[in-house]
Amino acid sequence: MQPTYLKFYLTEKQKHGDTPLYEWLLEQAKSIGVPGGSVFRAIAGYGRHGSLHAETFIELGGELPIQVEFILEGRQAEEFLATLRAYELNIRYVRYAITAGLV
């Protein structure tokens, strides 16, 4: 099956229970055997509500954008997304079919 790039968009303050959502996503991916994942915090961004958030001294409310990324097999992507849908998290994601390998 073709490799898949899966990226989730959230904010710093989003949680699942008491756990930051980005950490919870990494834990869920690891539990189904996804070989790795990364979390990136943006220095600025805006979302569907149009509010601009930037990394400044004043921006301490946990609203900065977070991206959680995975490269996984298509079957794992389906399993992962099905697991997340069951939790009704309401988070945006993008999914791409990619070519991946080592050089």
C-alpha atoms as a PDB file:
ATOM      1  CA  MET A   1       0.000   0.000   0.000  1.00  0.00           C
ATOM      2  CA  GLN A   2       1.181   3.545  -0.747  1.00  0.00           C
ATOM      3  CA  PRO A   3       2.621   5.631   2.119  1.00  0.00           C
ATOM      4  CA  THR A   4       0.396   8.385   3.500  1.00  0.00           C
ATOM      5  CA  TYR A   5       1.242  11.770   5.006  1.00  0.00           C
ATOM      6  CA  LEU A   6      -1.255  12.722   7.695  1.00  0.00           C
ATOM      7  CA  LYS A   7      -1.226  16.163   9.353  1.00  0.00           C
ATOM      8  CA  PHE A   8      -3.533  17.439  12.104  1.00  0.00           C
ATOM      9  CA  TYR A   9      -4.109  21.105  12.936  1.00  0.00           C
ATOM     10  CA  LEU A  10      -4.827  22.105  16.536  1.00  0.00           C
ATOM     11  CA  THR A  11      -3.931  24.719  19.120  1.00  0.00           C
ATOM     12  CA  GLU A  12      -1.710  24.485  22.178  1.00  0.00           C
ATOM     13  CA  LYS A  13      -4.621  24.579  24.598  1.00  0.00           C
ATOM     14  CA  GLN A  14      -6.637  21.695  23.107  1.00  0.00           C
ATOM     15  CA  LYS A  15      -6.767  18.705  25.408  1.00  0.00           C
ATOM     16  CA  HIS A  16      -8.152  15.208  25.528  1.00  0.00           C
ATOM     17  CA  GLY A  17      -9.038  14.778  29.182  1.00  0.00           C
ATOM     18  CA  ASP A  18      -6.080  16.209  31.078  1.00  0.00           C
ATOM     19  CA  THR A  19      -3.545  15.456  28.326  1.00  0.00           C
ATOM     20  CA  PRO A  20      -2.549  17.951  25.642  1.00  0.00           C
ATOM     21  CA  LEU A  21      -4.207  16.755  22.435  1.00  0.00           C
ATOM     22  CA  TYR A  22      -0.932  16.643  20.509  1.00  0.00           C
ATOM     23  CA  GLU A  23       0.547  14.265  23.109  1.00  0.00           C
ATOM     24  CA  TRP A  24      -2.593  12.127  23.053  1.00  0.00           C
ATOM     25  CA  LEU A  25      -2.422  11.883  19.241  1.00  0.00           C
ATOM     26  CA  LEU A  26       1.196  10.727  19.433  1.00  0.00           C
ATOM     27  CA  GLU A  27       0.273   8.108  22.052  1.00  0.00           C
ATOM     28  CA  GLN A  28      -2.640   6.821  19.955  1.00  0.00           C
ATOM     29  CA  ALA A  29      -0.464   6.564  16.850  1.00  0.00           C
ATOM     30  CA  LYS A  30       2.249   4.723  18.759  1.00  0.00           C
ATOM     31  CA  SER A  31      -0.316   2.271  20.156  1.00  0.00           C
ATOM     32  CA  ILE A  32      -1.272   1.108  16.635  1.00  0.00           C
ATOM     33  CA  GLY A  33       2.343   0.800  15.500  1.00  0.00           C
ATOM     34  CA  VAL A  34       2.865   4.027  13.572  1.00  0.00           C
ATOM     35  CA  PRO A  35       6.671   4.273  13.288  1.00  0.00           C
ATOM     36  CA  GLY A  36       6.914   7.935  14.298  1.00  0.00           C
ATOM     37  CA  GLY A  37       5.270  11.325  14.541  1.00  0.00           C
ATOM     38  CA  SER A  38       6.286  14.930  15.041  1.00  0.00           C
ATOM     39  CA  VAL A  39       4.721  18.016  16.612  1.00  0.00           C
ATOM     40  CA  PHE A  40       5.479  21.539  15.400  1.00  0.00           C
ATOM     41  CA  ARG A  41       4.410  24.789  17.028  1.00  0.00           C
ATOM     42  CA  ALA A  42       3.852  27.720  14.714  1.00  0.00           C
ATOM     43  CA  ILE A  43       5.138  31.211  15.434  1.00  0.00           C
ATOM     44  CA  ALA A  44       1.950  32.714  13.991  1.00  0.00           C
ATOM     45  CA  GLY A  45      -1.300  31.732  12.349  1.00  0.00           C
ATOM     46  CA  TYR A  46      -5.033  32.156  12.118  1.00  0.00           C
ATOM     47  CA  GLY A  47      -7.861  29.670  11.879  1.00  0.00           C
ATOM     48  CA  ARG A  48     -11.463  29.420  10.796  1.00  0.00           C
ATOM     49  CA  HIS A  49     -12.493  32.239  13.148  1.00  0.00           C
ATOM     50  CA  GLY A  50     -10.007  34.655  11.569  1.00  0.00           C
ATOM     51  CA  SER A  51      -8.209  35.630  14.790  1.00  0.00           C
ATOM     52  CA  LEU A  52      -4.482  36.107  14.298  1.00  0.00           C
ATOM     53  CA  HIS A  53      -2.274  34.560  16.962  1.00  0.00           C
ATOM     54  CA  ALA A  54       1.448  35.231  17.052  1.00  0.00           C
ATOM     55  CA  GLU A  55       4.299  34.268  19.343  1.00  0.00           C
ATOM     56  CA  THR A  56       4.715  37.400  21.434  1.00  0.00           C
ATOM     57  CA  PHE A  57       5.065  38.113  25.104  1.00  0.00           C
ATOM     58  CA  ILE A  58       1.334  38.844  25.281  1.00  0.00           C
ATOM     59  CA  GLU A  59       0.284  35.589  23.554  1.00  0.00           C
ATOM     60  CA  LEU A  60       0.233  33.376  26.635  1.00  0.00           C
ATOM     61  CA  GLY A  61      -3.251  31.897  26.237  1.00  0.00           C
ATOM     62  CA  GLY A  62      -2.207  28.712  24.453  1.00  0.00           C
ATOM     63  CA  GLU A  63      -3.766  29.680  21.135  1.00  0.00           C
ATOM     64  CA  LEU A  64      -0.733  29.185  18.896  1.00  0.00           C
ATOM     65  CA  PRO A  65      -1.235  26.656  16.096  1.00  0.00           C
ATOM     66  CA  ILE A  66       0.168  23.158  16.449  1.00  0.00           C
ATOM     67  CA  GLN A  67       0.741  20.668  13.632  1.00  0.00           C
ATOM     68  CA  VAL A  68       1.016  16.956  14.354  1.00  0.00           C
ATOM     69  CA  GLU A  69       2.458  14.980  11.440  1.00  0.00           C
ATOM     70  CA  PHE A  70       2.809  11.313  10.585  1.00  0.00           C
ATOM     71  CA  ILE A  71       4.095   9.290   7.634  1.00  0.00           C
ATOM     72  CA  LEU A  72       2.437   5.902   7.738  1.00  0.00           C
ATOM     73  CA  GLU A  73       1.057   3.133   5.593  1.00  0.00           C
ATOM     74  CA  GLY A  74      -2.386   3.648   4.060  1.00  0.00           C
ATOM     75  CA  ARG A  75      -3.894   0.857   6.174  1.00  0.00           C
ATOM     76  CA  GLN A  76      -2.561   2.451   9.345  1.00  0.00           C
ATOM     77  CA  ALA A  77      -3.924   5.851   8.273  1.00  0.00           C
ATOM     78  CA  GLU A  78      -7.402   4.333   7.870  1.00  0.00           C
ATOM     79  CA  GLU A  79      -7.164   2.619  11.263  1.00  0.00           C
ATOM     80  CA  PHE A  80      -5.869   5.760  12.946  1.00  0.00           C
ATOM     81  CA  LEU A  81      -8.575   8.002  11.479  1.00  0.00           C
ATOM     82  CA  ALA A  82     -11.294   5.481  12.398  1.00  0.00           C
ATOM     83  CA  THR A  83     -10.027   5.423  15.986  1.00  0.00           C
ATOM     84  CA  LEU A  84     -10.030   9.217  16.170  1.00  0.00           C
ATOM     85  CA  ARG A  85     -13.508   9.506  14.638  1.00  0.00           C
ATOM     86  CA  ALA A  86     -14.852   7.312  17.441  1.00  0.00           C
ATOM     87  CA  TYR A  87     -13.739   9.995  19.927  1.00  0.00           C
ATOM     88  CA  GLU A  88     -15.524  12.773  17.969  1.00  0.00           C
ATOM     89  CA  LEU A  89     -12.567  15.144  18.400  1.00  0.00           C
ATOM     90  CA  ASN A  90     -13.596  17.569  15.662  1.00  0.00           C
ATOM     91  CA  ILE A  91     -10.038  18.392  14.537  1.00  0.00           C
ATOM     92  CA  ARG A  92      -8.934  19.292  11.017  1.00  0.00           C
ATOM     93  CA  TYR A  93      -6.521  17.128   9.111  1.00  0.00           C
ATOM     94  CA  VAL A  94      -5.037  16.706   5.657  1.00  0.00           C
ATOM     95  CA  ARG A  95      -4.052  13.432   4.052  1.00  0.00           C
ATOM     96  CA  TYR A  96      -1.759  12.978   1.065  1.00  0.00           C
ATOM     97  CA  ALA A  97      -0.605   9.904  -0.818  1.00  0.00           C
ATOM     98  CA  ILE A  98       3.177  10.269  -1.013  1.00  0.00           C
ATOM     99  CA  THR A  99       6.342   8.667  -2.234  1.00  0.00           C
ATOM    100  CA  ALA A 100       8.722   7.990   0.637  1.00  0.00           C
ATOM    101  CA  GLY A 101      11.975   6.129   0.991  1.00  0.00           C
ATOM    102  CA  LEU A 102      15.624   6.313   1.892  1.00  0.00           C
ATOM    103  CA  VAL A 103      18.466   7.571  -0.288  1.00  0.00           C
END
